[in-house]
């Protein structure tokens, strides 16, 4: 079962062949200067955006979760500052195929009133 706690979730920016397994995906992570055993979730999407694989170190070995869509495509967020860091909500929306209309909070607390005295 995929449980995402407080660990970092990183989306791989370029399309990945879904023929890659543990060693192939871990090699990509190492080429990017990261360690696959750091506890982060690494999300990979294929060229057609119809398949997703998630690689994570579970303490005693690597685990891969995968999902393939029969219809439609995954909506992958655009990278900012060279890499894409997702939160749990964004990962859940990606896997469920939900495309949010806006990602900004719908309510912002008003500024506190300053003392004028």
N, C-alpha and C. Protein backbone atom coordinates (compact mmCIF):
# COMPACT_ATOMS: atom_id res chain seq x y z
N UNK A 1 0.84 -1.18 0.00
CA UNK A 1 0.00 0.00 0.00
C UNK A 1 0.88 1.24 0.00
N UNK A 2 0.52 2.21 -0.80
CA UNK A 2 1.28 3.45 -0.90
C UNK A 2 0.84 4.40 0.19
N UNK A 3 1.74 4.67 1.12
CA UNK A 3 1.44 5.64 2.17
C UNK A 3 2.48 6.74 2.10
N UNK A 4 2.00 7.95 1.92
CA UNK A 4 2.90 9.10 1.79
C UNK A 4 2.82 9.90 3.07
N UNK A 5 3.90 9.93 3.80
CA UNK A 5 3.94 10.69 5.04
C UNK A 5 4.54 12.06 4.79
N UNK A 6 5.51 12.40 5.61
CA UNK A 6 6.15 13.70 5.51
C UNK A 6 7.33 13.68 4.56
N UNK A 7 7.52 12.60 3.82
CA UNK A 7 8.67 12.52 2.93
C UNK A 7 8.46 13.39 1.69
N UNK A 8 9.56 13.70 1.04
CA UNK A 8 9.55 14.53 -0.15
C UNK A 8 9.04 13.72 -1.34
N UNK A 9 8.28 14.36 -2.23
CA UNK A 9 7.76 13.71 -3.43
C UNK A 9 8.30 14.48 -4.63
N UNK A 10 9.13 13.83 -5.43
CA UNK A 10 9.77 14.48 -6.56
C UNK A 10 9.28 13.87 -7.86
N UNK A 11 8.88 14.72 -8.80
CA UNK A 11 8.41 14.27 -10.11
C UNK A 11 9.56 14.39 -11.10
N UNK A 12 9.86 13.30 -11.80
CA UNK A 12 10.91 13.30 -12.81
C UNK A 12 10.43 14.12 -13.99
N UNK A 13 11.25 15.06 -14.46
CA UNK A 13 10.82 16.03 -15.47
C UNK A 13 10.67 15.47 -16.87
N UNK A 14 11.51 14.53 -17.27
CA UNK A 14 11.44 14.01 -18.64
C UNK A 14 10.73 12.66 -18.66
N UNK A 15 10.17 12.30 -19.83
CA UNK A 15 9.49 11.00 -19.93
C UNK A 15 10.46 9.84 -19.71
N UNK A 16 9.95 8.77 -19.12
CA UNK A 16 10.76 7.60 -18.78
C UNK A 16 10.13 6.36 -19.40
N UNK A 17 10.96 5.47 -19.91
CA UNK A 17 10.46 4.20 -20.42
C UNK A 17 9.93 3.37 -19.25
N UNK A 18 8.73 2.88 -19.37
CA UNK A 18 8.13 2.09 -18.29
C UNK A 18 8.65 0.66 -18.28
N UNK A 19 9.60 0.33 -19.17
CA UNK A 19 10.26 -0.96 -19.10
C UNK A 19 11.30 -0.99 -17.99
N UNK A 20 11.69 0.20 -17.50
CA UNK A 20 12.67 0.27 -16.42
C UNK A 20 12.05 -0.25 -15.13
N UNK A 21 12.87 -0.94 -14.36
CA UNK A 21 12.43 -1.46 -13.08
C UNK A 21 13.29 -0.85 -11.99
N UNK A 22 13.52 -1.60 -10.93
CA UNK A 22 14.21 -1.08 -9.75
C UNK A 22 15.56 -0.45 -10.08
N UNK A 23 16.43 -1.22 -10.74
CA UNK A 23 17.78 -0.73 -11.01
C UNK A 23 17.79 0.43 -12.00
N UNK A 24 16.96 0.36 -13.02
CA UNK A 24 16.92 1.43 -14.02
C UNK A 24 16.42 2.74 -13.45
N UNK A 25 15.35 2.69 -12.65
CA UNK A 25 14.83 3.92 -12.05
C UNK A 25 15.78 4.46 -10.98
N UNK A 26 16.38 3.57 -10.20
CA UNK A 26 17.35 4.00 -9.19
C UNK A 26 18.57 4.63 -9.85
N UNK A 27 18.98 4.13 -11.01
CA UNK A 27 20.11 4.72 -11.73
C UNK A 27 19.78 6.14 -12.20
N UNK A 28 18.55 6.37 -12.63
CA UNK A 28 18.14 7.73 -13.02
C UNK A 28 18.21 8.68 -11.83
N UNK A 29 17.77 8.21 -10.68
CA UNK A 29 17.82 9.03 -9.47
C UNK A 29 19.26 9.36 -9.11
N UNK A 30 20.15 8.38 -9.22
CA UNK A 30 21.57 8.61 -8.91
C UNK A 30 22.20 9.57 -9.90
N UNK A 31 21.83 9.48 -11.18
CA UNK A 31 22.37 10.40 -12.19
C UNK A 31 21.96 11.84 -11.91
N UNK A 32 20.83 12.02 -11.24
CA UNK A 32 20.36 13.37 -10.91
C UNK A 32 21.02 13.91 -9.64
N UNK A 33 21.91 13.12 -9.04
CA UNK A 33 22.61 13.57 -7.85
C UNK A 33 21.89 13.30 -6.55
N UNK A 34 20.87 12.47 -6.59
CA UNK A 34 20.11 12.10 -5.40
C UNK A 34 20.43 10.65 -5.04
N UNK A 35 19.98 10.25 -3.87
CA UNK A 35 20.14 8.86 -3.46
C UNK A 35 18.77 8.20 -3.39
N UNK A 36 18.59 7.04 -4.03
CA UNK A 36 17.28 6.40 -3.99
C UNK A 36 16.91 5.85 -2.61
N UNK A 37 17.86 5.84 -1.68
CA UNK A 37 17.59 5.30 -0.35
C UNK A 37 17.34 6.43 0.68
N UNK A 38 17.05 7.64 0.21
CA UNK A 38 16.85 8.77 1.12
C UNK A 38 15.43 8.87 1.66
N UNK A 39 14.54 7.99 1.24
CA UNK A 39 13.18 7.99 1.77
C UNK A 39 12.20 8.82 0.97
N UNK A 40 12.66 9.51 -0.07
CA UNK A 40 11.75 10.32 -0.89
C UNK A 40 10.99 9.43 -1.87
N UNK A 41 9.85 9.92 -2.33
CA UNK A 41 9.07 9.25 -3.37
C UNK A 41 9.48 9.87 -4.70
N UNK A 42 9.87 9.03 -5.66
CA UNK A 42 10.25 9.50 -6.98
C UNK A 42 9.17 9.05 -7.96
N UNK A 43 8.54 10.02 -8.63
CA UNK A 43 7.41 9.75 -9.53
C UNK A 43 7.90 9.88 -10.97
N UNK A 44 7.66 8.84 -11.77
CA UNK A 44 8.08 8.79 -13.17
C UNK A 44 6.84 8.61 -14.04
N UNK A 45 6.79 9.33 -15.17
CA UNK A 45 5.67 9.26 -16.11
C UNK A 45 6.23 8.95 -17.48
N UNK A 46 5.49 8.14 -18.27
CA UNK A 46 5.97 7.80 -19.61
C UNK A 46 5.66 8.91 -20.60
N UNK A 47 6.13 8.75 -21.84
CA UNK A 47 6.00 9.78 -22.87
C UNK A 47 4.54 10.12 -23.18
N UNK A 48 3.67 9.13 -23.19
CA UNK A 48 2.26 9.36 -23.52
C UNK A 48 1.44 9.83 -22.33
N UNK A 49 2.05 9.90 -21.15
CA UNK A 49 1.38 10.26 -19.89
C UNK A 49 0.21 9.33 -19.58
N UNK A 50 0.39 8.05 -19.91
CA UNK A 50 -0.64 7.06 -19.60
C UNK A 50 -0.22 6.11 -18.49
N UNK A 51 1.06 6.17 -18.09
CA UNK A 51 1.56 5.29 -17.04
C UNK A 51 2.40 6.09 -16.05
N UNK A 52 2.30 5.69 -14.78
CA UNK A 52 3.07 6.31 -13.70
C UNK A 52 3.70 5.21 -12.87
N UNK A 53 4.97 5.42 -12.48
CA UNK A 53 5.63 4.54 -11.52
C UNK A 53 6.19 5.41 -10.40
N UNK A 54 6.10 4.91 -9.18
CA UNK A 54 6.62 5.60 -8.01
C UNK A 54 7.65 4.69 -7.35
N UNK A 55 8.86 5.21 -7.17
CA UNK A 55 9.95 4.46 -6.56
C UNK A 55 10.22 5.02 -5.18
N UNK A 56 10.36 4.13 -4.19
CA UNK A 56 10.64 4.56 -2.81
C UNK A 56 11.41 3.49 -2.08
N UNK A 57 12.33 3.93 -1.25
CA UNK A 57 13.07 3.03 -0.37
C UNK A 57 12.22 2.77 0.86
N UNK A 58 11.98 1.52 1.20
CA UNK A 58 11.11 1.15 2.32
C UNK A 58 11.88 0.74 3.57
N UNK A 59 13.17 0.96 3.62
CA UNK A 59 13.95 0.58 4.78
C UNK A 59 14.70 -0.73 4.59
N UNK A 60 14.10 -1.67 3.89
CA UNK A 60 14.77 -2.94 3.64
C UNK A 60 14.87 -3.26 2.16
N UNK A 61 14.39 -2.37 1.33
CA UNK A 61 14.46 -2.57 -0.12
C UNK A 61 13.65 -1.52 -0.85
N UNK A 62 13.81 -1.51 -2.17
CA UNK A 62 13.07 -0.57 -3.00
C UNK A 62 11.67 -1.12 -3.29
N UNK A 63 10.71 -0.21 -3.37
CA UNK A 63 9.34 -0.58 -3.72
C UNK A 63 8.92 0.26 -4.92
N UNK A 64 8.16 -0.35 -5.82
CA UNK A 64 7.62 0.35 -6.99
C UNK A 64 6.11 0.19 -6.99
N UNK A 65 5.42 1.31 -7.16
CA UNK A 65 3.98 1.29 -7.37
C UNK A 65 3.74 1.79 -8.78
N UNK A 66 2.79 1.21 -9.46
CA UNK A 66 2.51 1.61 -10.83
C UNK A 66 1.03 1.75 -11.08
N UNK A 67 0.70 2.61 -12.03
CA UNK A 67 -0.68 2.77 -12.47
C UNK A 67 -0.67 3.03 -13.97
N UNK A 68 -1.57 2.32 -14.70
CA UNK A 68 -1.72 2.50 -16.13
C UNK A 68 -3.16 2.86 -16.43
N UNK A 69 -3.35 3.91 -17.20
CA UNK A 69 -4.69 4.34 -17.57
C UNK A 69 -5.12 3.65 -18.86
N UNK A 70 -6.35 3.20 -18.91
CA UNK A 70 -6.90 2.62 -20.13
C UNK A 70 -7.41 3.72 -21.06
N UNK A 71 -7.92 4.81 -20.47
CA UNK A 71 -8.40 5.96 -21.25
C UNK A 71 -7.87 7.22 -20.58
N UNK A 72 -7.57 8.21 -21.39
CA UNK A 72 -7.13 9.49 -20.86
C UNK A 72 -5.64 9.53 -20.59
N UNK A 73 -5.21 10.64 -19.99
CA UNK A 73 -3.81 10.87 -19.69
C UNK A 73 -3.68 11.51 -18.32
N UNK A 74 -2.52 11.31 -17.71
CA UNK A 74 -2.21 11.99 -16.46
C UNK A 74 -1.87 13.44 -16.77
N UNK A 75 -2.35 14.36 -15.97
CA UNK A 75 -2.03 15.77 -16.12
C UNK A 75 -0.84 16.06 -15.22
N UNK A 76 0.33 16.21 -15.83
CA UNK A 76 1.58 16.40 -15.09
C UNK A 76 1.80 17.90 -14.87
N UNK A 77 2.08 18.32 -13.64
CA UNK A 77 2.33 19.74 -13.40
C UNK A 77 3.61 20.22 -14.06
N UNK A 78 3.65 21.50 -14.37
CA UNK A 78 4.82 22.11 -14.99
C UNK A 78 5.94 22.29 -13.97
N UNK A 79 7.19 22.09 -14.38
CA UNK A 79 8.30 22.27 -13.43
C UNK A 79 8.54 23.74 -13.12
N UNK A 80 8.91 24.00 -11.87
CA UNK A 80 9.29 25.33 -11.43
C UNK A 80 10.71 25.24 -10.88
N UNK A 81 11.56 26.15 -11.29
CA UNK A 81 12.94 26.19 -10.82
C UNK A 81 13.70 24.89 -11.10
N UNK A 82 13.40 24.25 -12.22
CA UNK A 82 14.17 23.08 -12.62
C UNK A 82 13.67 21.74 -12.10
N UNK A 83 12.86 21.72 -11.04
CA UNK A 83 12.36 20.44 -10.55
C UNK A 83 10.94 20.62 -10.03
N UNK A 84 10.24 19.52 -9.93
CA UNK A 84 8.86 19.55 -9.46
C UNK A 84 8.79 18.81 -8.14
N UNK A 85 8.44 19.51 -7.09
CA UNK A 85 8.21 18.90 -5.78
C UNK A 85 6.71 18.93 -5.54
N UNK A 86 6.13 17.76 -5.33
CA UNK A 86 4.70 17.64 -5.11
C UNK A 86 4.39 17.52 -3.63
N UNK A 87 3.20 17.90 -3.24
CA UNK A 87 2.72 17.59 -1.90
C UNK A 87 1.78 16.39 -2.02
N UNK A 88 1.30 15.91 -0.87
CA UNK A 88 0.45 14.71 -0.89
C UNK A 88 -0.83 14.93 -1.69
N UNK A 89 -1.40 16.11 -1.58
CA UNK A 89 -2.64 16.42 -2.29
C UNK A 89 -2.41 16.41 -3.80
N UNK A 90 -1.31 17.02 -4.26
CA UNK A 90 -1.01 17.06 -5.69
C UNK A 90 -0.76 15.66 -6.24
N UNK A 91 -0.09 14.81 -5.46
CA UNK A 91 0.13 13.43 -5.90
C UNK A 91 -1.19 12.68 -6.00
N UNK A 92 -2.06 12.85 -5.03
CA UNK A 92 -3.37 12.19 -5.06
C UNK A 92 -4.18 12.67 -6.26
N UNK A 93 -4.16 13.96 -6.54
CA UNK A 93 -4.89 14.49 -7.69
C UNK A 93 -4.30 13.96 -9.00
N UNK A 94 -2.98 13.87 -9.07
CA UNK A 94 -2.33 13.32 -10.26
C UNK A 94 -2.76 11.89 -10.50
N UNK A 95 -2.73 11.07 -9.46
CA UNK A 95 -3.08 9.65 -9.61
C UNK A 95 -4.56 9.43 -9.86
N UNK A 96 -5.41 10.32 -9.36
CA UNK A 96 -6.85 10.18 -9.57
C UNK A 96 -7.32 10.82 -10.88
N UNK A 97 -6.44 11.59 -11.53
CA UNK A 97 -6.80 12.21 -12.80
C UNK A 97 -7.59 13.49 -12.65
N UNK A 98 -7.54 14.09 -11.48
CA UNK A 98 -8.27 15.33 -11.25
C UNK A 98 -7.37 16.49 -11.65
N UNK A 99 -7.91 17.40 -12.46
CA UNK A 99 -7.17 18.59 -12.87
C UNK A 99 -7.76 19.78 -12.13
N UNK A 100 -7.05 20.31 -11.15
CA UNK A 100 -7.60 21.46 -10.42
C UNK A 100 -7.63 22.69 -11.30
N UNK A 101 -8.67 23.49 -11.12
CA UNK A 101 -8.77 24.72 -11.89
C UNK A 101 -7.77 25.76 -11.41
N UNK A 102 -7.54 25.78 -10.11
CA UNK A 102 -6.53 26.67 -9.57
C UNK A 102 -5.91 26.01 -8.34
N UNK A 103 -4.66 26.29 -8.11
CA UNK A 103 -3.97 25.69 -6.99
C UNK A 103 -3.77 26.67 -5.84
N UNK A 104 -4.30 27.87 -5.98
CA UNK A 104 -4.15 28.87 -4.93
C UNK A 104 -5.23 28.65 -3.88
N UNK A 105 -4.96 29.01 -2.63
CA UNK A 105 -5.99 28.89 -1.60
C UNK A 105 -7.19 29.78 -1.95
N UNK A 106 -8.37 29.33 -1.61
CA UNK A 106 -9.55 30.11 -1.98
C UNK A 106 -9.86 31.22 -0.99
N UNK A 107 -9.18 31.23 0.14
CA UNK A 107 -9.41 32.27 1.12
C UNK A 107 -8.10 32.65 1.77
N UNK A 108 -7.86 33.91 1.87
CA UNK A 108 -6.66 34.40 2.55
C UNK A 108 -7.11 35.24 3.74
N UNK A 109 -6.51 35.01 4.88
CA UNK A 109 -6.88 35.76 6.07
C UNK A 109 -6.53 37.23 5.88
N UNK A 110 -7.39 38.12 6.35
CA UNK A 110 -7.11 39.55 6.18
C UNK A 110 -5.94 39.96 7.07
N UNK A 111 -5.28 41.02 6.65
CA UNK A 111 -4.17 41.57 7.42
C UNK A 111 -4.68 42.09 8.76
N UNK A 112 -3.94 41.89 9.84
CA UNK A 112 -4.38 42.43 11.13
C UNK A 112 -4.36 43.96 11.11
N UNK A 113 -5.31 44.53 11.81
CA UNK A 113 -5.42 45.98 11.88
C UNK A 113 -4.29 46.50 12.78
N UNK A 114 -3.58 47.49 12.29
CA UNK A 114 -2.49 48.06 13.07
C UNK A 114 -3.05 49.10 14.04
N UNK A 115 -2.43 49.20 15.18
CA UNK A 115 -2.82 50.24 16.13
C UNK A 115 -2.45 51.61 15.57
N UNK A 116 -3.38 52.52 15.63
CA UNK A 116 -3.09 53.86 15.14
C UNK A 116 -2.77 54.80 16.30
N UNK A 117 -2.76 54.29 17.50
CA UNK A 117 -2.47 55.13 18.68
C UNK A 117 -1.03 55.05 19.06
